[in-house]
N, C-alpha and C. Protein backbone atom coordinates (compact mmCIF):
# COMPACT_ATOMS: atom_id res chain seq x y z
N MET A 1 7.66 0.33 -14.53
CA MET A 1 6.46 1.11 -14.85
C MET A 1 5.27 0.18 -15.05
N LEU A 2 4.16 0.51 -14.39
CA LEU A 2 2.94 -0.26 -14.58
C LEU A 2 2.28 0.10 -15.90
N SER A 3 1.57 -0.84 -16.49
CA SER A 3 0.93 -0.60 -17.78
C SER A 3 -0.11 0.51 -17.70
N TYR A 4 -0.70 0.71 -16.50
CA TYR A 4 -1.69 1.78 -16.34
C TYR A 4 -1.08 3.14 -16.69
N GLY A 5 0.20 3.32 -16.35
CA GLY A 5 0.85 4.59 -16.63
C GLY A 5 0.89 4.89 -18.11
N TYR A 6 1.25 3.88 -18.91
CA TYR A 6 1.28 4.06 -20.36
C TYR A 6 -0.12 4.30 -20.92
N TYR A 7 -1.11 3.63 -20.33
CA TYR A 7 -2.50 3.77 -20.80
C TYR A 7 -2.98 5.21 -20.62
N TYR A 8 -2.84 5.73 -19.39
CA TYR A 8 -3.30 7.10 -19.11
C TYR A 8 -2.46 8.13 -19.86
N ALA A 9 -1.14 7.95 -19.84
CA ALA A 9 -0.26 8.91 -20.51
C ALA A 9 -0.52 8.92 -22.02
N GLY A 10 -0.77 7.74 -22.59
CA GLY A 10 -1.05 7.68 -24.02
C GLY A 10 -2.29 8.46 -24.39
N GLY A 11 -3.35 8.32 -23.58
CA GLY A 11 -4.57 9.06 -23.84
C GLY A 11 -4.36 10.56 -23.73
N LEU A 12 -3.58 10.97 -22.72
CA LEU A 12 -3.32 12.40 -22.53
C LEU A 12 -2.45 12.97 -23.65
N LEU A 13 -1.48 12.19 -24.10
CA LEU A 13 -0.64 12.65 -25.21
C LEU A 13 -1.45 12.76 -26.50
N GLY A 14 -2.42 11.85 -26.65
CA GLY A 14 -3.33 11.97 -27.79
C GLY A 14 -4.13 13.25 -27.72
N GLY A 15 -4.61 13.57 -26.51
CA GLY A 15 -5.33 14.82 -26.32
C GLY A 15 -4.45 16.03 -26.58
N ALA A 16 -3.17 15.92 -26.20
CA ALA A 16 -2.23 17.01 -26.44
C ALA A 16 -2.02 17.24 -27.93
N ALA A 17 -1.95 16.15 -28.68
CA ALA A 17 -1.76 16.27 -30.13
C ALA A 17 -2.95 16.96 -30.78
N VAL A 18 -4.15 16.59 -30.35
CA VAL A 18 -5.36 17.22 -30.90
C VAL A 18 -5.41 18.70 -30.53
N ALA A 19 -5.10 19.00 -29.26
CA ALA A 19 -5.12 20.40 -28.81
C ALA A 19 -4.09 21.24 -29.56
N THR A 20 -2.92 20.66 -29.80
CA THR A 20 -1.88 21.38 -30.54
C THR A 20 -2.33 21.67 -31.97
N TYR A 21 -2.94 20.68 -32.58
CA TYR A 21 -3.38 20.83 -33.98
C TYR A 21 -4.51 21.85 -34.11
N LEU A 22 -5.46 21.82 -33.19
CA LEU A 22 -6.65 22.68 -33.31
C LEU A 22 -6.47 24.06 -32.69
N LEU A 23 -5.70 24.12 -31.57
CA LEU A 23 -5.66 25.36 -30.80
C LEU A 23 -4.27 25.96 -30.63
N GLY A 24 -3.24 25.14 -30.82
CA GLY A 24 -1.88 25.62 -30.59
C GLY A 24 -1.28 24.98 -29.35
N TRP A 25 0.06 24.97 -29.29
CA TRP A 25 0.75 24.24 -28.22
C TRP A 25 0.45 24.74 -26.81
N PRO A 26 0.18 26.05 -26.57
CA PRO A 26 -0.10 26.46 -25.19
C PRO A 26 -1.30 25.71 -24.59
N TYR A 27 -2.27 25.38 -25.42
CA TYR A 27 -3.45 24.66 -24.93
C TYR A 27 -3.14 23.18 -24.68
N ALA A 28 -2.07 22.71 -25.27
CA ALA A 28 -1.70 21.30 -25.08
C ALA A 28 -0.85 21.09 -23.83
N LEU A 29 -0.29 22.18 -23.29
CA LEU A 29 0.62 22.06 -22.16
C LEU A 29 0.03 21.31 -20.96
N PRO A 30 -1.23 21.58 -20.56
CA PRO A 30 -1.79 20.82 -19.42
C PRO A 30 -1.83 19.32 -19.67
N PHE A 31 -2.07 18.92 -20.91
CA PHE A 31 -2.10 17.49 -21.24
C PHE A 31 -0.71 16.87 -21.05
N TYR A 32 0.33 17.60 -21.48
CA TYR A 32 1.69 17.09 -21.32
C TYR A 32 2.06 16.97 -19.84
N VAL A 33 1.68 17.97 -19.05
CA VAL A 33 1.98 17.94 -17.62
C VAL A 33 1.31 16.75 -16.95
N LEU A 34 0.04 16.53 -17.28
CA LEU A 34 -0.69 15.40 -16.70
C LEU A 34 -0.12 14.06 -17.16
N ALA A 35 0.35 13.99 -18.39
CA ALA A 35 0.95 12.75 -18.89
C ALA A 35 2.22 12.41 -18.10
N VAL A 36 3.04 13.42 -17.84
CA VAL A 36 4.26 13.21 -17.04
C VAL A 36 3.88 12.78 -15.63
N PHE A 37 2.83 13.41 -15.08
CA PHE A 37 2.37 13.05 -13.73
C PHE A 37 1.96 11.58 -13.69
N CYS A 38 1.22 11.12 -14.69
CA CYS A 38 0.75 9.73 -14.71
C CYS A 38 1.92 8.75 -14.82
N LEU A 39 2.90 9.08 -15.64
CA LEU A 39 4.07 8.20 -15.76
C LEU A 39 4.81 8.12 -14.43
N ASN A 40 4.89 9.24 -13.73
CA ASN A 40 5.55 9.25 -12.42
C ASN A 40 4.72 8.50 -11.38
N PHE A 41 3.41 8.68 -11.42
CA PHE A 41 2.54 8.06 -10.42
C PHE A 41 2.58 6.54 -10.51
N PHE A 42 2.61 6.00 -11.70
CA PHE A 42 2.54 4.55 -11.88
C PHE A 42 3.92 3.90 -11.98
N ARG A 43 4.95 4.58 -11.49
CA ARG A 43 6.27 3.96 -11.46
C ARG A 43 6.26 2.78 -10.48
N ASP A 44 7.13 1.82 -10.73
CA ASP A 44 7.16 0.61 -9.91
C ASP A 44 8.61 0.19 -9.68
N PRO A 45 9.32 0.90 -8.80
CA PRO A 45 10.74 0.60 -8.59
C PRO A 45 10.95 -0.72 -7.86
N GLU A 46 12.08 -1.34 -8.13
CA GLU A 46 12.46 -2.54 -7.39
C GLU A 46 12.84 -2.15 -5.96
N ARG A 47 12.62 -3.05 -5.03
CA ARG A 47 12.94 -2.78 -3.63
C ARG A 47 13.78 -3.92 -3.06
N GLN A 48 14.71 -3.56 -2.17
CA GLN A 48 15.54 -4.54 -1.47
C GLN A 48 14.84 -4.90 -0.17
N VAL A 49 14.34 -6.13 -0.08
CA VAL A 49 13.61 -6.57 1.11
C VAL A 49 14.62 -6.95 2.20
N PRO A 50 14.53 -6.37 3.39
CA PRO A 50 15.49 -6.67 4.45
C PRO A 50 15.30 -8.09 4.99
N PRO A 51 16.40 -8.74 5.38
CA PRO A 51 16.31 -10.09 5.94
C PRO A 51 15.89 -10.04 7.41
N GLY A 52 15.61 -11.21 7.96
CA GLY A 52 15.32 -11.30 9.39
C GLY A 52 13.84 -11.42 9.69
N PRO A 53 13.51 -11.57 10.96
CA PRO A 53 12.11 -11.75 11.40
C PRO A 53 11.38 -10.41 11.48
N VAL A 54 11.07 -9.85 10.31
CA VAL A 54 10.52 -8.50 10.26
C VAL A 54 9.23 -8.45 9.45
N ALA A 55 8.47 -7.39 9.70
CA ALA A 55 7.32 -7.05 8.87
C ALA A 55 7.66 -5.74 8.17
N VAL A 56 7.58 -5.73 6.85
CA VAL A 56 7.92 -4.52 6.10
C VAL A 56 6.66 -3.73 5.77
N SER A 57 6.88 -2.49 5.41
CA SER A 57 5.74 -1.64 5.05
C SER A 57 5.08 -2.14 3.77
N PRO A 58 3.75 -2.17 3.73
CA PRO A 58 3.06 -2.56 2.51
C PRO A 58 2.90 -1.40 1.53
N ALA A 59 3.30 -0.19 1.96
CA ALA A 59 3.05 0.98 1.11
C ALA A 59 4.11 2.05 1.34
N ASP A 60 4.34 2.87 0.32
CA ASP A 60 5.12 4.08 0.48
C ASP A 60 4.22 5.13 1.13
N GLY A 61 4.79 5.97 1.96
CA GLY A 61 3.99 7.03 2.55
C GLY A 61 4.48 7.46 3.91
N LYS A 62 3.58 8.07 4.65
CA LYS A 62 3.88 8.61 5.97
C LYS A 62 3.05 7.88 7.02
N VAL A 63 3.70 7.42 8.09
CA VAL A 63 2.97 6.82 9.20
C VAL A 63 2.20 7.93 9.92
N VAL A 64 0.88 7.85 9.89
CA VAL A 64 0.07 8.91 10.49
C VAL A 64 -0.49 8.53 11.85
N ALA A 65 -0.52 7.23 12.16
CA ALA A 65 -1.06 6.82 13.46
C ALA A 65 -0.64 5.39 13.77
N ILE A 66 -0.44 5.13 15.07
CA ILE A 66 -0.24 3.78 15.58
C ILE A 66 -1.16 3.64 16.78
N ARG A 67 -2.13 2.76 16.68
CA ARG A 67 -3.15 2.65 17.74
C ARG A 67 -3.34 1.19 18.15
N PRO A 68 -3.53 0.97 19.46
CA PRO A 68 -3.84 -0.39 19.92
C PRO A 68 -5.25 -0.77 19.52
N VAL A 69 -5.44 -2.03 19.19
CA VAL A 69 -6.77 -2.55 18.87
C VAL A 69 -7.00 -3.79 19.74
N ALA A 70 -7.93 -4.62 19.35
CA ALA A 70 -8.31 -5.76 20.19
C ALA A 70 -7.19 -6.78 20.33
N SER A 71 -7.20 -7.49 21.46
CA SER A 71 -6.32 -8.64 21.72
C SER A 71 -4.83 -8.30 21.69
N GLY A 72 -4.50 -7.09 22.08
CA GLY A 72 -3.10 -6.70 22.16
C GLY A 72 -2.44 -6.37 20.84
N ALA A 73 -3.22 -6.32 19.77
CA ALA A 73 -2.67 -5.99 18.46
C ALA A 73 -2.55 -4.47 18.30
N ASN A 74 -1.82 -4.06 17.28
CA ASN A 74 -1.66 -2.64 16.97
C ASN A 74 -1.99 -2.40 15.50
N ARG A 75 -2.54 -1.22 15.23
CA ARG A 75 -2.83 -0.82 13.86
C ARG A 75 -1.89 0.31 13.47
N ILE A 76 -1.16 0.11 12.39
CA ILE A 76 -0.29 1.14 11.84
C ILE A 76 -0.95 1.70 10.59
N SER A 77 -1.18 3.00 10.57
CA SER A 77 -1.85 3.64 9.43
C SER A 77 -0.83 4.44 8.62
N ILE A 78 -0.82 4.21 7.32
CA ILE A 78 0.13 4.86 6.41
C ILE A 78 -0.66 5.63 5.36
N PHE A 79 -0.38 6.92 5.26
CA PHE A 79 -1.06 7.77 4.27
C PHE A 79 -0.17 7.98 3.06
N LEU A 80 -0.74 7.76 1.88
CA LEU A 80 -0.03 7.94 0.63
C LEU A 80 -0.55 9.19 -0.06
N ASN A 81 0.35 10.11 -0.42
CA ASN A 81 -0.10 11.24 -1.23
C ASN A 81 0.08 10.90 -2.71
N VAL A 82 -0.33 11.80 -3.58
CA VAL A 82 -0.34 11.47 -5.01
C VAL A 82 1.07 11.36 -5.60
N PHE A 83 2.09 11.77 -4.85
CA PHE A 83 3.46 11.70 -5.37
C PHE A 83 4.19 10.43 -4.91
N ASP A 84 3.56 9.64 -4.04
CA ASP A 84 4.16 8.40 -3.57
C ASP A 84 3.97 7.28 -4.59
N VAL A 85 4.85 6.27 -4.53
CA VAL A 85 4.63 5.04 -5.30
C VAL A 85 3.40 4.36 -4.71
N HIS A 86 2.49 3.92 -5.57
CA HIS A 86 1.22 3.35 -5.09
C HIS A 86 1.11 1.84 -5.24
N VAL A 87 2.21 1.19 -5.59
CA VAL A 87 2.23 -0.28 -5.61
C VAL A 87 2.30 -0.78 -4.17
N ASN A 88 1.44 -1.71 -3.82
CA ASN A 88 1.41 -2.27 -2.46
C ASN A 88 2.09 -3.63 -2.43
N ARG A 89 2.73 -3.94 -1.28
CA ARG A 89 3.47 -5.19 -1.11
C ARG A 89 3.07 -5.86 0.19
N THR A 90 3.26 -7.17 0.27
CA THR A 90 2.92 -7.89 1.49
C THR A 90 3.91 -7.58 2.61
N PRO A 91 3.43 -7.40 3.84
CA PRO A 91 4.34 -7.13 4.97
C PRO A 91 5.18 -8.35 5.35
N ILE A 92 4.62 -9.56 5.17
CA ILE A 92 5.33 -10.78 5.56
C ILE A 92 5.15 -11.84 4.46
N PRO A 93 6.05 -12.83 4.43
CA PRO A 93 5.84 -13.96 3.54
C PRO A 93 4.78 -14.88 4.14
N GLY A 94 4.12 -15.63 3.31
CA GLY A 94 3.13 -16.57 3.83
C GLY A 94 2.03 -16.86 2.83
N LYS A 95 0.93 -17.36 3.34
CA LYS A 95 -0.21 -17.77 2.51
C LYS A 95 -1.37 -16.80 2.70
N VAL A 96 -1.93 -16.36 1.58
CA VAL A 96 -3.13 -15.51 1.64
C VAL A 96 -4.31 -16.38 2.07
N THR A 97 -4.91 -16.04 3.20
CA THR A 97 -6.03 -16.83 3.70
C THR A 97 -7.38 -16.18 3.44
N CYS A 98 -7.37 -14.87 3.19
CA CYS A 98 -8.65 -14.18 2.97
C CYS A 98 -8.41 -12.88 2.23
N VAL A 99 -9.26 -12.61 1.25
CA VAL A 99 -9.30 -11.31 0.56
C VAL A 99 -10.75 -10.88 0.51
N THR A 100 -11.05 -9.76 1.15
CA THR A 100 -12.44 -9.29 1.24
C THR A 100 -12.54 -7.87 0.71
N TYR A 101 -13.48 -7.66 -0.20
CA TYR A 101 -13.75 -6.31 -0.70
C TYR A 101 -14.96 -5.74 0.03
N LYS A 102 -14.84 -4.51 0.50
CA LYS A 102 -15.91 -3.88 1.26
C LYS A 102 -16.24 -2.53 0.64
N LYS A 103 -17.48 -2.36 0.24
CA LYS A 103 -17.92 -1.07 -0.28
C LYS A 103 -17.96 -0.05 0.86
N GLY A 104 -17.83 1.22 0.51
CA GLY A 104 -17.86 2.23 1.56
C GLY A 104 -17.83 3.64 0.99
N LYS A 105 -17.47 4.58 1.85
CA LYS A 105 -17.43 5.99 1.48
C LYS A 105 -16.09 6.33 0.84
N PHE A 106 -15.94 7.61 0.50
CA PHE A 106 -14.68 8.10 -0.06
C PHE A 106 -14.24 9.34 0.71
N LEU A 107 -14.11 9.18 2.03
CA LEU A 107 -13.62 10.26 2.87
C LEU A 107 -12.14 10.48 2.59
N ALA A 108 -11.63 11.65 2.96
CA ALA A 108 -10.19 11.91 2.84
C ALA A 108 -9.43 10.82 3.58
N ALA A 109 -8.44 10.21 2.94
CA ALA A 109 -7.77 9.04 3.48
C ALA A 109 -6.99 9.31 4.76
N ASN A 110 -6.66 10.59 5.03
CA ASN A 110 -5.92 10.89 6.25
C ASN A 110 -6.81 11.03 7.48
N LYS A 111 -8.11 10.91 7.30
CA LYS A 111 -9.04 10.96 8.44
C LYS A 111 -9.09 9.60 9.12
N THR A 112 -9.18 9.61 10.46
CA THR A 112 -9.21 8.37 11.23
C THR A 112 -10.37 7.48 10.83
N GLU A 113 -11.54 8.09 10.62
CA GLU A 113 -12.74 7.30 10.32
C GLU A 113 -12.68 6.62 8.96
N ALA A 114 -11.74 7.04 8.10
CA ALA A 114 -11.61 6.42 6.78
C ALA A 114 -11.24 4.94 6.89
N SER A 115 -10.56 4.57 7.98
CA SER A 115 -10.12 3.18 8.15
C SER A 115 -11.27 2.20 8.13
N ASP A 116 -12.41 2.59 8.68
CA ASP A 116 -13.56 1.70 8.73
C ASP A 116 -14.66 2.07 7.74
N ALA A 117 -14.78 3.38 7.44
CA ALA A 117 -15.91 3.85 6.64
C ALA A 117 -15.68 3.77 5.13
N ASN A 118 -14.44 3.86 4.70
CA ASN A 118 -14.17 3.96 3.26
C ASN A 118 -14.17 2.60 2.55
N GLU A 119 -14.33 2.66 1.23
CA GLU A 119 -14.20 1.46 0.41
C GLU A 119 -12.80 0.87 0.62
N GLN A 120 -12.71 -0.45 0.71
CA GLN A 120 -11.42 -1.06 1.02
C GLN A 120 -11.36 -2.53 0.61
N SER A 121 -10.13 -2.99 0.48
CA SER A 121 -9.85 -4.40 0.27
C SER A 121 -9.03 -4.87 1.46
N ILE A 122 -9.46 -5.96 2.10
CA ILE A 122 -8.81 -6.46 3.31
C ILE A 122 -8.12 -7.78 2.99
N ILE A 123 -6.81 -7.83 3.20
CA ILE A 123 -6.02 -9.01 2.88
C ILE A 123 -5.43 -9.59 4.16
N THR A 124 -5.57 -10.89 4.36
CA THR A 124 -5.00 -11.57 5.52
C THR A 124 -3.96 -12.57 5.06
N VAL A 125 -2.77 -12.50 5.68
CA VAL A 125 -1.66 -13.39 5.33
C VAL A 125 -1.24 -14.16 6.58
N ASP A 126 -1.11 -15.46 6.44
CA ASP A 126 -0.73 -16.34 7.53
C ASP A 126 0.66 -16.90 7.22
N GLY A 127 1.61 -16.74 8.17
CA GLY A 127 2.96 -17.21 7.88
C GLY A 127 3.77 -17.51 9.11
N ILE A 128 4.99 -17.97 8.88
CA ILE A 128 5.96 -18.24 9.93
C ILE A 128 7.10 -17.24 9.75
N VAL A 129 7.32 -16.40 10.75
CA VAL A 129 8.38 -15.39 10.70
C VAL A 129 9.26 -15.56 11.93
N GLY A 130 10.54 -15.81 11.72
CA GLY A 130 11.44 -16.01 12.84
C GLY A 130 11.04 -17.18 13.72
N GLY A 131 10.44 -18.20 13.10
CA GLY A 131 9.99 -19.38 13.83
C GLY A 131 8.69 -19.19 14.57
N VAL A 132 8.07 -18.03 14.41
CA VAL A 132 6.81 -17.71 15.11
C VAL A 132 5.66 -17.70 14.12
N HIS A 133 4.60 -18.42 14.44
CA HIS A 133 3.39 -18.37 13.61
C HIS A 133 2.71 -17.03 13.84
N THR A 134 2.40 -16.34 12.76
CA THR A 134 1.79 -15.01 12.88
C THR A 134 0.80 -14.79 11.75
N THR A 135 -0.21 -14.00 12.04
CA THR A 135 -1.20 -13.62 11.04
C THR A 135 -1.23 -12.10 10.96
N VAL A 136 -1.04 -11.58 9.77
CA VAL A 136 -1.04 -10.13 9.55
C VAL A 136 -2.17 -9.77 8.60
N MET A 137 -2.94 -8.78 9.00
CA MET A 137 -4.02 -8.28 8.14
C MET A 137 -3.68 -6.85 7.73
N PHE A 138 -3.95 -6.53 6.48
CA PHE A 138 -3.76 -5.14 6.06
C PHE A 138 -4.86 -4.75 5.08
N LYS A 139 -5.14 -3.45 5.07
CA LYS A 139 -6.24 -2.91 4.27
C LYS A 139 -5.72 -1.94 3.22
N GLN A 140 -6.18 -2.10 2.00
CA GLN A 140 -6.02 -1.09 0.96
C GLN A 140 -7.27 -0.22 1.02
N ILE A 141 -7.11 1.05 1.37
CA ILE A 141 -8.26 1.91 1.63
C ILE A 141 -8.33 3.03 0.60
N ALA A 142 -9.48 3.17 -0.04
CA ALA A 142 -9.69 4.24 -1.00
C ALA A 142 -9.77 5.58 -0.27
N GLY A 143 -9.55 6.67 -1.01
CA GLY A 143 -9.61 7.99 -0.42
C GLY A 143 -10.52 8.92 -1.20
N LEU A 144 -10.34 10.20 -0.96
CA LEU A 144 -11.17 11.21 -1.62
C LEU A 144 -10.94 11.21 -3.13
N ILE A 145 -9.67 11.00 -3.52
CA ILE A 145 -9.32 10.96 -4.94
C ILE A 145 -9.21 9.53 -5.43
N ALA A 146 -8.57 8.69 -4.60
CA ALA A 146 -8.37 7.28 -4.99
C ALA A 146 -9.67 6.51 -4.90
N ARG A 147 -10.18 6.07 -6.04
CA ARG A 147 -11.45 5.36 -6.06
C ARG A 147 -11.35 4.05 -6.82
N ARG A 148 -10.15 3.53 -6.91
CA ARG A 148 -9.97 2.26 -7.60
C ARG A 148 -8.92 1.45 -6.88
N ILE A 149 -9.36 0.40 -6.20
CA ILE A 149 -8.46 -0.49 -5.49
C ILE A 149 -8.23 -1.73 -6.34
N ILE A 150 -6.98 -2.12 -6.49
CA ILE A 150 -6.65 -3.31 -7.27
C ILE A 150 -5.85 -4.26 -6.40
N CYS A 151 -6.34 -5.50 -6.25
CA CYS A 151 -5.61 -6.53 -5.52
C CYS A 151 -5.36 -7.69 -6.47
N TYR A 152 -4.09 -8.06 -6.65
CA TYR A 152 -3.74 -9.12 -7.58
C TYR A 152 -3.96 -10.52 -7.00
N LYS A 153 -4.04 -10.62 -5.69
CA LYS A 153 -3.96 -11.91 -5.03
C LYS A 153 -5.33 -12.47 -4.64
N LYS A 154 -5.34 -13.79 -4.39
CA LYS A 154 -6.57 -14.48 -3.98
C LYS A 154 -6.20 -15.49 -2.89
N PRO A 155 -7.19 -15.95 -2.12
CA PRO A 155 -6.91 -16.95 -1.08
C PRO A 155 -6.19 -18.17 -1.65
N GLY A 156 -5.18 -18.62 -0.92
CA GLY A 156 -4.39 -19.76 -1.36
C GLY A 156 -3.07 -19.39 -1.99
N ASP A 157 -2.93 -18.14 -2.43
CA ASP A 157 -1.68 -17.70 -3.03
C ASP A 157 -0.56 -17.67 -1.98
N ILE A 158 0.63 -18.08 -2.38
CA ILE A 158 1.80 -18.05 -1.51
C ILE A 158 2.63 -16.82 -1.86
N LEU A 159 2.96 -16.02 -0.85
CA LEU A 159 3.66 -14.76 -1.07
C LEU A 159 5.10 -14.84 -0.58
N GLU A 160 5.99 -14.30 -1.40
CA GLU A 160 7.39 -14.14 -1.01
C GLU A 160 7.53 -12.83 -0.22
N PRO A 161 8.61 -12.67 0.55
CA PRO A 161 8.79 -11.42 1.31
C PRO A 161 8.74 -10.19 0.40
N GLY A 162 7.89 -9.23 0.75
CA GLY A 162 7.82 -7.99 -0.01
C GLY A 162 7.21 -8.09 -1.39
N GLU A 163 6.54 -9.19 -1.69
CA GLU A 163 5.96 -9.39 -3.02
C GLU A 163 4.84 -8.38 -3.29
N ARG A 164 4.74 -7.96 -4.54
CA ARG A 164 3.68 -7.03 -4.94
C ARG A 164 2.33 -7.72 -4.82
N ILE A 165 1.34 -7.01 -4.26
CA ILE A 165 0.00 -7.59 -4.13
C ILE A 165 -1.09 -6.74 -4.79
N GLY A 166 -0.76 -5.51 -5.19
CA GLY A 166 -1.78 -4.67 -5.81
C GLY A 166 -1.40 -3.21 -5.77
N LEU A 167 -2.38 -2.35 -6.00
CA LEU A 167 -2.15 -0.91 -5.92
C LEU A 167 -3.47 -0.19 -5.69
N ILE A 168 -3.36 1.07 -5.31
CA ILE A 168 -4.52 1.94 -5.18
C ILE A 168 -4.23 3.18 -6.02
N LYS A 169 -5.14 3.53 -6.89
CA LYS A 169 -4.91 4.64 -7.82
C LYS A 169 -5.21 6.00 -7.18
N PHE A 170 -4.22 6.89 -7.25
CA PHE A 170 -4.37 8.31 -6.95
C PHE A 170 -4.67 8.65 -5.49
N GLY A 171 -3.70 8.46 -4.62
CA GLY A 171 -3.81 8.90 -3.23
C GLY A 171 -4.66 7.95 -2.40
N SER A 172 -4.18 7.56 -1.23
CA SER A 172 -4.90 6.53 -0.50
C SER A 172 -4.30 6.31 0.88
N ARG A 173 -4.67 5.18 1.48
CA ARG A 173 -4.21 4.84 2.82
C ARG A 173 -4.13 3.32 2.94
N VAL A 174 -3.16 2.86 3.72
CA VAL A 174 -3.03 1.44 4.02
C VAL A 174 -2.91 1.28 5.53
N ASP A 175 -3.71 0.40 6.10
CA ASP A 175 -3.63 0.07 7.53
C ASP A 175 -3.08 -1.34 7.68
N VAL A 176 -2.17 -1.52 8.63
CA VAL A 176 -1.58 -2.83 8.90
C VAL A 176 -1.88 -3.21 10.35
N PHE A 177 -2.35 -4.44 10.56
CA PHE A 177 -2.69 -4.92 11.90
C PHE A 177 -1.69 -6.01 12.29
N LEU A 178 -0.93 -5.74 13.36
CA LEU A 178 0.10 -6.66 13.83
C LEU A 178 -0.22 -7.11 15.25
N GLY A 179 -0.10 -8.41 15.50
CA GLY A 179 -0.42 -8.97 16.81
C GLY A 179 0.62 -8.65 17.87
N PRO A 180 0.39 -9.10 19.11
CA PRO A 180 1.28 -8.79 20.23
C PRO A 180 2.66 -9.41 20.11
N GLU A 181 2.84 -10.35 19.19
CA GLU A 181 4.15 -10.96 18.99
C GLU A 181 5.12 -10.03 18.27
N TRP A 182 4.59 -8.89 17.80
CA TRP A 182 5.40 -7.94 17.05
C TRP A 182 5.77 -6.73 17.90
N GLU A 183 7.02 -6.29 17.76
CA GLU A 183 7.50 -5.06 18.39
C GLU A 183 7.57 -3.97 17.32
N ILE A 184 6.76 -2.94 17.48
CA ILE A 184 6.71 -1.85 16.49
C ILE A 184 8.00 -1.02 16.57
N VAL A 185 8.60 -0.73 15.43
CA VAL A 185 9.86 0.04 15.42
C VAL A 185 9.74 1.36 14.66
N VAL A 186 8.53 1.72 14.24
CA VAL A 186 8.31 3.02 13.59
C VAL A 186 7.47 3.89 14.51
N SER A 187 7.42 5.18 14.18
CA SER A 187 6.65 6.14 14.96
C SER A 187 5.84 7.02 14.02
N PRO A 188 4.76 7.63 14.51
CA PRO A 188 4.01 8.57 13.68
C PRO A 188 4.93 9.67 13.15
N GLY A 189 4.77 9.97 11.88
CA GLY A 189 5.61 10.97 11.24
C GLY A 189 6.72 10.38 10.40
N ASP A 190 7.05 9.10 10.61
CA ASP A 190 8.10 8.44 9.83
C ASP A 190 7.65 8.24 8.39
N ARG A 191 8.60 8.40 7.46
CA ARG A 191 8.36 8.05 6.07
C ARG A 191 8.80 6.61 5.84
N VAL A 192 8.00 5.85 5.12
CA VAL A 192 8.31 4.44 4.88
C VAL A 192 8.18 4.12 3.39
N SER A 193 8.87 3.05 2.99
CA SER A 193 8.84 2.59 1.60
C SER A 193 8.37 1.14 1.56
N ALA A 194 7.48 0.85 0.63
CA ALA A 194 6.92 -0.50 0.53
C ALA A 194 8.01 -1.53 0.23
N GLY A 195 7.99 -2.61 1.01
CA GLY A 195 8.90 -3.72 0.76
C GLY A 195 10.29 -3.56 1.32
N SER A 196 10.67 -2.35 1.76
CA SER A 196 12.04 -2.15 2.24
C SER A 196 12.13 -1.54 3.64
N SER A 197 11.12 -0.79 4.06
CA SER A 197 11.14 -0.19 5.40
C SER A 197 10.55 -1.18 6.41
N ILE A 198 11.24 -1.36 7.52
CA ILE A 198 10.79 -2.28 8.56
C ILE A 198 9.80 -1.58 9.48
N LEU A 199 8.61 -2.16 9.61
CA LEU A 199 7.60 -1.64 10.53
C LEU A 199 7.73 -2.26 11.92
N ALA A 200 8.07 -3.54 11.98
CA ALA A 200 8.09 -4.26 13.25
C ALA A 200 8.99 -5.48 13.17
N ARG A 201 9.41 -5.95 14.35
CA ARG A 201 10.22 -7.17 14.47
C ARG A 201 9.53 -8.14 15.43
N ILE A 202 9.72 -9.42 15.20
CA ILE A 202 9.20 -10.42 16.13
C ILE A 202 9.89 -10.24 17.48
N ARG A 203 9.10 -10.18 18.54
CA ARG A 203 9.66 -10.02 19.89
C ARG A 203 10.50 -11.24 20.25
N GLU A 204 11.59 -11.01 20.97
CA GLU A 204 12.46 -12.11 21.38
C GLU A 204 11.71 -13.13 22.23
N ALA A 205 10.82 -12.63 23.09
CA ALA A 205 10.06 -13.54 23.95
C ALA A 205 9.18 -14.46 23.12
N ALA A 206 8.57 -13.92 22.06
CA ALA A 206 7.71 -14.73 21.20
C ALA A 206 8.53 -15.78 20.46
N ALA A 207 9.73 -15.40 20.01
CA ALA A 207 10.59 -16.35 19.31
C ALA A 207 11.06 -17.45 20.26
N THR A 208 11.36 -17.08 21.51
CA THR A 208 11.81 -18.06 22.49
C THR A 208 10.70 -19.06 22.81
N GLU A 209 9.48 -18.54 22.96
CA GLU A 209 8.33 -19.41 23.25
C GLU A 209 8.08 -20.37 22.10
N ALA A 210 8.31 -19.90 20.87
CA ALA A 210 8.08 -20.75 19.69
C ALA A 210 9.04 -21.93 19.67
N VAL A 211 10.26 -21.69 20.18
CA VAL A 211 11.24 -22.77 20.23
C VAL A 211 10.89 -23.77 21.31
């Protein structure tokens, strides 16, 4: 459980106590419901990171789009609803080379234009996966409800496979950009879990060339 959960739930339970004292327990019920919701929202379960030359999902949620972008790369977009775990994890092990915060709008996170227009944090990780040098970029994107992006990492940090890197509060979207050396193994509509679901594998040809 993240400390944010206790913070929000504590405030709501305090409100419930006041409402019960002044108005009676029926008026306190919404506070209790919201407190339980916050504790559930800020849960932080452990994940089993799969071995091998893979890129794992940085977020829990639903794959809503896979689109080609420049230089043969692909963008995988993952939408998180308010019931998903919102802790984000690195797709690959390696070194953080860049963390950029970009102000923007707060469009609904499931809209395509949210990827570029919304407030976001952009993290770039450089690493060796399966003997292949690769650079993976991913975005923590705010949504209509989610208006607080938190990134724990800074340039120079070394990341272990599936390591926690931050979170987005209350519904959001994460985009992952993978180069042509990666073979995508998920499809739109798939449900994924941060740190444990495989998004892509290093292509055999890329691994052979690296040798």
